[in-house]
Amino acid sequence: MQVFSAWPPGVLCPGLDVPCAVDVYAALRNIDVYTELTAERGWSPDRVERWWCGALTRELLN
């Protein structure tokens, strides 16, 4: 919450408030997502990290 609250206005996607941004981050950066992608789907840790960076950028940043 502190990290997102410290960002200047206009950084988050329009209509996305800080609590919702934290929810999106928590949903995507969940250990279960990592486990599903690596152990169950065969992704490498590097691929998960690249996907996370892209997904979080698309979902959170203006």
PDB file of N, CA and C in Angstrom:
ATOM      1  N   MET A   1       0.840  -1.181   0.000  1.00  0.00           N
ATOM      2  CA  MET A   1       0.000   0.000   0.000  1.00  0.00           C
ATOM      3  C   MET A   1       0.889   1.249   0.000  1.00  0.00           C
ATOM      4  N   GLN A   2       1.957   1.231   0.795  1.00  0.00           N
ATOM      5  CA  GLN A   2       2.840   2.398   0.880  1.00  0.00           C
ATOM      6  C   GLN A   2       3.505   2.705  -0.455  1.00  0.00           C
ATOM      7  N   VAL A   3       3.930   1.670  -1.166  1.00  0.00           N
ATOM      8  CA  VAL A   3       4.614   1.893  -2.443  1.00  0.00           C
ATOM      9  C   VAL A   3       3.682   2.571  -3.437  1.00  0.00           C
ATOM     10  N   PHE A   4       2.484   2.016  -3.613  1.00  0.00           N
ATOM     11  CA  PHE A   4       1.553   2.598  -4.572  1.00  0.00           C
ATOM     12  C   PHE A   4       1.084   3.984  -4.134  1.00  0.00           C
ATOM     13  N   SER A   5       0.936   4.195  -2.858  1.00  0.00           N
ATOM     14  CA  SER A   5       0.514   5.505  -2.352  1.00  0.00           C
ATOM     15  C   SER A   5       1.568   6.572  -2.571  1.00  0.00           C
ATOM     16  N   ALA A   6       2.821   6.170  -2.662  1.00  0.00           N
ATOM     17  CA  ALA A   6       3.920   7.125  -2.836  1.00  0.00           C
ATOM     18  C   ALA A   6       4.086   7.579  -4.287  1.00  0.00           C
ATOM     19  N   TRP A   7       3.455   6.890  -5.218  1.00  0.00           N
ATOM     20  CA  TRP A   7       3.595   7.268  -6.620  1.00  0.00           C
ATOM     21  C   TRP A   7       2.852   8.565  -6.896  1.00  0.00           C
ATOM     22  N   PRO A   8       3.396   9.384  -7.795  1.00  0.00           N
ATOM     23  CA  PRO A   8       2.717  10.646  -8.126  1.00  0.00           C
ATOM     24  C   PRO A   8       1.402  10.395  -8.867  1.00  0.00           C
ATOM     25  N   PRO A   9       0.499  11.357  -8.805  1.00  0.00           N
ATOM     26  CA  PRO A   9      -0.774  11.232  -9.527  1.00  0.00           C
ATOM     27  C   PRO A   9      -0.537  10.971 -11.011  1.00  0.00           C
ATOM     28  N   GLY A  10      -1.375  10.163 -11.589  1.00  0.00           N
ATOM     29  CA  GLY A  10      -1.296   9.891 -13.023  1.00  0.00           C
ATOM     30  C   GLY A  10      -0.465   8.673 -13.389  1.00  0.00           C
ATOM     31  N   VAL A  11       0.220   8.061 -12.424  1.00  0.00           N
ATOM     32  CA  VAL A  11       1.036   6.884 -12.730  1.00  0.00           C
ATOM     33  C   VAL A  11       0.160   5.645 -12.901  1.00  0.00           C
ATOM     34  N   LEU A  12      -0.830   5.494 -12.016  1.00  0.00           N
ATOM     35  CA  LEU A  12      -1.738   4.352 -12.127  1.00  0.00           C
ATOM     36  C   LEU A  12      -2.706   4.561 -13.285  1.00  0.00           C
ATOM     37  N   CYS A  13      -3.212   3.459 -13.816  1.00  0.00           N
ATOM     38  CA  CYS A  13      -4.203   3.530 -14.890  1.00  0.00           C
ATOM     39  C   CYS A  13      -5.382   4.401 -14.455  1.00  0.00           C
ATOM     40  N   PRO A  14      -5.980   5.118 -15.384  1.00  0.00           N
ATOM     41  CA  PRO A  14      -7.153   5.916 -15.055  1.00  0.00           C
ATOM     42  C   PRO A  14      -8.243   5.045 -14.422  1.00  0.00           C
ATOM     43  N   GLY A  15      -8.821   5.541 -13.347  1.00  0.00           N
ATOM     44  CA  GLY A  15      -9.883   4.838 -12.655  1.00  0.00           C
ATOM     45  C   GLY A  15      -9.404   3.779 -11.672  1.00  0.00           C
ATOM     46  N   LEU A  16      -8.099   3.565 -11.590  1.00  0.00           N
ATOM     47  CA  LEU A  16      -7.541   2.572 -10.676  1.00  0.00           C
ATOM     48  C   LEU A  16      -7.058   3.275  -9.417  1.00  0.00           C
ATOM     49  N   ASP A  17      -7.679   2.958  -8.294  1.00  0.00           N
ATOM     50  CA  ASP A  17      -7.237   3.573  -7.043  1.00  0.00           C
ATOM     51  C   ASP A  17      -6.190   2.671  -6.371  1.00  0.00           C
ATOM     52  N   VAL A  18      -5.560   3.181  -5.339  1.00  0.00           N
ATOM     53  CA  VAL A  18      -4.483   2.453  -4.669  1.00  0.00           C
ATOM     54  C   VAL A  18      -4.948   1.115  -4.108  1.00  0.00           C
ATOM     55  N   PRO A  19      -6.072   1.033  -3.390  1.00  0.00           N
ATOM     56  CA  PRO A  19      -6.492  -0.286  -2.894  1.00  0.00           C
ATOM     57  C   PRO A  19      -6.689  -1.315  -4.007  1.00  0.00           C
ATOM     58  N   CYS A  20      -7.261  -0.899  -5.108  1.00  0.00           N
ATOM     59  CA  CYS A  20      -7.462  -1.819  -6.233  1.00  0.00           C
ATOM     60  C   CYS A  20      -6.123  -2.213  -6.852  1.00  0.00           C
ATOM     61  N   ALA A  21      -5.194  -1.276  -6.958  1.00  0.00           N
ATOM     62  CA  ALA A  21      -3.860  -1.578  -7.483  1.00  0.00           C
ATOM     63  C   ALA A  21      -3.166  -2.625  -6.614  1.00  0.00           C
ATOM     64  N   VAL A  22      -3.306  -2.496  -5.305  1.00  0.00           N
ATOM     65  CA  VAL A  22      -2.726  -3.479  -4.389  1.00  0.00           C
ATOM     66  C   VAL A  22      -3.384  -4.842  -4.600  1.00  0.00           C
ATOM     67  N   ASP A  23      -4.689  -4.869  -4.810  1.00  0.00           N
ATOM     68  CA  ASP A  23      -5.392  -6.126  -5.062  1.00  0.00           C
ATOM     69  C   ASP A  23      -4.898  -6.796  -6.342  1.00  0.00           C
ATOM     70  N   VAL A  24      -4.738  -6.018  -7.400  1.00  0.00           N
ATOM     71  CA  VAL A  24      -4.244  -6.560  -8.671  1.00  0.00           C
ATOM     72  C   VAL A  24      -2.842  -7.124  -8.480  1.00  0.00           C
ATOM     73  N   TYR A  25      -1.986  -6.363  -7.825  1.00  0.00           N
ATOM     74  CA  TYR A  25      -0.621  -6.819  -7.561  1.00  0.00           C
ATOM     75  C   TYR A  25      -0.634  -8.124  -6.763  1.00  0.00           C
ATOM     76  N   ALA A  26      -1.437  -8.180  -5.712  1.00  0.00           N
ATOM     77  CA  ALA A  26      -1.490  -9.374  -4.863  1.00  0.00           C
ATOM     78  C   ALA A  26      -2.013 -10.579  -5.643  1.00  0.00           C
ATOM     79  N   ALA A  27      -2.990 -10.363  -6.498  1.00  0.00           N
ATOM     80  CA  ALA A  27      -3.554 -11.465  -7.274  1.00  0.00           C
ATOM     81  C   ALA A  27      -2.543 -12.038  -8.259  1.00  0.00           C
ATOM     82  N   LEU A  28      -1.807 -11.160  -8.916  1.00  0.00           N
ATOM     83  CA  LEU A  28      -0.852 -11.615  -9.916  1.00  0.00           C
ATOM     84  C   LEU A  28       0.434 -12.173  -9.308  1.00  0.00           C
ATOM     85  N   ARG A  29       0.914 -11.540  -8.250  1.00  0.00           N
ATOM     86  CA  ARG A  29       2.192 -11.938  -7.650  1.00  0.00           C
ATOM     87  C   ARG A  29       2.002 -12.967  -6.534  1.00  0.00           C
ATOM     88  N   ASN A  30       0.994 -13.762  -6.648  1.00  0.00           N
ATOM     89  CA  ASN A  30       0.661 -14.791  -5.678  1.00  0.00           C
ATOM     90  C   ASN A  30       1.562 -16.011  -5.897  1.00  0.00           C
ATOM     91  N   ILE A  31       2.019 -16.646  -4.827  1.00  0.00           N
ATOM     92  CA  ILE A  31       2.882 -17.825  -4.952  1.00  0.00           C
ATOM     93  C   ILE A  31       2.179 -18.944  -5.698  1.00  0.00           C
ATOM     94  N   ASP A  32       0.866 -19.010  -5.600  1.00  0.00           N
ATOM     95  CA  ASP A  32       0.123 -20.046  -6.330  1.00  0.00           C
ATOM     96  C   ASP A  32       0.221 -19.845  -7.842  1.00  0.00           C
ATOM     97  N   VAL A  33       0.245 -18.601  -8.281  1.00  0.00           N
ATOM     98  CA  VAL A  33       0.410 -18.313  -9.712  1.00  0.00           C
ATOM     99  C   VAL A  33       1.796 -18.778 -10.150  1.00  0.00           C
ATOM    100  N   TYR A  34       2.800 -18.453  -9.360  1.00  0.00           N
ATOM    101  CA  TYR A  34       4.176 -18.871  -9.672  1.00  0.00           C
ATOM    102  C   TYR A  34       4.263 -20.398  -9.741  1.00  0.00           C
ATOM    103  N   THR A  35       3.705 -21.071  -8.764  1.00  0.00           N
ATOM    104  CA  THR A  35       3.748 -22.535  -8.721  1.00  0.00           C
ATOM    105  C   THR A  35       3.007 -23.139  -9.901  1.00  0.00           C
ATOM    106  N   GLU A  36       1.848 -22.608 -10.206  1.00  0.00           N
ATOM    107  CA  GLU A  36       1.071 -23.099 -11.352  1.00  0.00           C
ATOM    108  C   GLU A  36       1.880 -22.976 -12.637  1.00  0.00           C
ATOM    109  N   LEU A  37       2.482 -21.821 -12.844  1.00  0.00           N
ATOM    110  CA  LEU A  37       3.202 -21.605 -14.100  1.00  0.00           C
ATOM    111  C   LEU A  37       4.498 -22.401 -14.188  1.00  0.00           C
ATOM    112  N   THR A  38       5.218 -22.536 -13.080  1.00  0.00           N
ATOM    113  CA  THR A  38       6.497 -23.252 -13.128  1.00  0.00           C
ATOM    114  C   THR A  38       6.315 -24.766 -13.001  1.00  0.00           C
ATOM    115  N   ALA A  39       5.641 -25.209 -11.960  1.00  0.00           N
ATOM    116  CA  ALA A  39       5.527 -26.645 -11.694  1.00  0.00           C
ATOM    117  C   ALA A  39       4.493 -27.330 -12.592  1.00  0.00           C
ATOM    118  N   GLU A  40       3.391 -26.650 -12.845  1.00  0.00           N
ATOM    119  CA  GLU A  40       2.305 -27.287 -13.587  1.00  0.00           C
ATOM    120  C   GLU A  40       2.365 -27.013 -15.094  1.00  0.00           C
ATOM    121  N   ARG A  41       2.820 -25.816 -15.469  1.00  0.00           N
ATOM    122  CA  ARG A  41       2.802 -25.431 -16.881  1.00  0.00           C
ATOM    123  C   ARG A  41       4.179 -25.455 -17.527  1.00  0.00           C
ATOM    124  N   GLY A  42       5.233 -25.684 -16.729  1.00  0.00           N
ATOM    125  CA  GLY A  42       6.573 -25.836 -17.281  1.00  0.00           C
ATOM    126  C   GLY A  42       7.305 -24.547 -17.616  1.00  0.00           C
ATOM    127  N   TRP A  43       6.808 -23.408 -17.129  1.00  0.00           N
ATOM    128  CA  TRP A  43       7.497 -22.142 -17.385  1.00  0.00           C
ATOM    129  C   TRP A  43       8.768 -22.073 -16.551  1.00  0.00           C
ATOM    130  N   SER A  44       9.766 -21.392 -17.081  1.00  0.00           N
ATOM    131  CA  SER A  44      10.978 -21.137 -16.293  1.00  0.00           C
ATOM    132  C   SER A  44      10.708 -19.952 -15.362  1.00  0.00           C
ATOM    133  N   PRO A  45      11.463 -19.860 -14.263  1.00  0.00           N
ATOM    134  CA  PRO A  45      11.314 -18.683 -13.391  1.00  0.00           C
ATOM    135  C   PRO A  45      11.533 -17.371 -14.142  1.00  0.00           C
ATOM    136  N   ASP A  46      12.477 -17.344 -15.075  1.00  0.00           N
ATOM    137  CA  ASP A  46      12.712 -16.115 -15.850  1.00  0.00           C
ATOM    138  C   ASP A  46      11.499 -15.746 -16.695  1.00  0.00           C
ATOM    139  N   ARG A  47      10.848 -16.744 -17.265  1.00  0.00           N
ATOM    140  CA  ARG A  47       9.655 -16.469 -18.072  1.00  0.00           C
ATOM    141  C   ARG A  47       8.533 -15.910 -17.203  1.00  0.00           C
ATOM    142  N   VAL A  48       8.363 -16.473 -16.010  1.00  0.00           N
ATOM    143  CA  VAL A  48       7.343 -15.957 -15.095  1.00  0.00           C
ATOM    144  C   VAL A  48       7.641 -14.502 -14.757  1.00  0.00           C
ATOM    145  N   GLU A  49       8.889 -14.203 -14.463  1.00  0.00           N
ATOM    146  CA  GLU A  49       9.256 -12.832 -14.121  1.00  0.00           C
ATOM    147  C   GLU A  49       8.979 -11.873 -15.275  1.00  0.00           C
ATOM    148  N   ARG A  50       9.321 -12.282 -16.490  1.00  0.00           N
ATOM    149  CA  ARG A  50       9.046 -11.422 -17.662  1.00  0.00           C
ATOM    150  C   ARG A  50       7.542 -11.216 -17.844  1.00  0.00           C
ATOM    151  N   TRP A  51       6.763 -12.288 -17.668  1.00  0.00           N
ATOM    152  CA  TRP A  51       5.311 -12.183 -17.798  1.00  0.00           C
ATOM    153  C   TRP A  51       4.754 -11.264 -16.722  1.00  0.00           C
ATOM    154  N   TRP A  52       5.212 -11.459 -15.461  1.00  0.00           N
ATOM    155  CA  TRP A  52       4.761 -10.599 -14.373  1.00  0.00           C
ATOM    156  C   TRP A  52       5.026  -9.131 -14.695  1.00  0.00           C
ATOM    157  N   CYS A  53       6.223  -8.824 -15.179  1.00  0.00           N
ATOM    158  CA  CYS A  53       6.560  -7.428 -15.489  1.00  0.00           C
ATOM    159  C   CYS A  53       5.605  -6.860 -16.536  1.00  0.00           C
ATOM    160  N   GLY A  54       5.341  -7.607 -17.571  1.00  0.00           N
ATOM    161  CA  GLY A  54       4.424  -7.137 -18.609  1.00  0.00           C
ATOM    162  C   GLY A  54       2.998  -7.011 -18.120  1.00  0.00           C
ATOM    163  N   ALA A  55       2.533  -8.020 -17.403  1.00  0.00           N
ATOM    164  CA  ALA A  55       1.150  -8.016 -16.927  1.00  0.00           C
ATOM    165  C   ALA A  55       0.925  -6.889 -15.921  1.00  0.00           C
ATOM    166  N   LEU A  56       1.851  -6.713 -14.999  1.00  0.00           N
ATOM    167  CA  LEU A  56       1.696  -5.646 -14.007  1.00  0.00           C
ATOM    168  C   LEU A  56       1.777  -4.272 -14.652  1.00  0.00           C
ATOM    169  N   THR A  57       2.637  -4.121 -15.634  1.00  0.00           N
ATOM    170  CA  THR A  57       2.728  -2.856 -16.358  1.00  0.00           C
ATOM    171  C   THR A  57       1.405  -2.550 -17.059  1.00  0.00           C
ATOM    172  N   ARG A  58       0.866  -3.542 -17.765  1.00  0.00           N
ATOM    173  CA  ARG A  58      -0.410  -3.341 -18.489  1.00  0.00           C
ATOM    174  C   ARG A  58      -1.559  -3.068 -17.536  1.00  0.00           C
ATOM    175  N   GLU A  59      -1.615  -3.757 -16.425  1.00  0.00           N
ATOM    176  CA  GLU A  59      -2.748  -3.657 -15.511  1.00  0.00           C
ATOM    177  C   GLU A  59      -2.694  -2.436 -14.577  1.00  0.00           C
ATOM    178  N   LEU A  60      -1.489  -1.976 -14.280  1.00  0.00           N
ATOM    179  CA  LEU A  60      -1.351  -0.935 -13.258  1.00  0.00           C
ATOM    180  C   LEU A  60      -0.958   0.443 -13.787  1.00  0.00           C
ATOM    181  N   LEU A  61      -0.112   0.490 -14.787  1.00  0.00           N
ATOM    182  CA  LEU A  61       0.485   1.775 -15.151  1.00  0.00           C
ATOM    183  C   LEU A  61      -0.205   2.445 -16.332  1.00  0.00           C
ATOM    184  N   ASN A  62      -0.315   3.755 -16.204  1.00  0.00           N
ATOM    185  CA  ASN A  62      -0.926   4.577 -17.230  1.00  0.00           C
ATOM    186  C   ASN A  62       0.018   4.736 -18.396  1.00  0.00           C
TER     187      ASN A  62
END
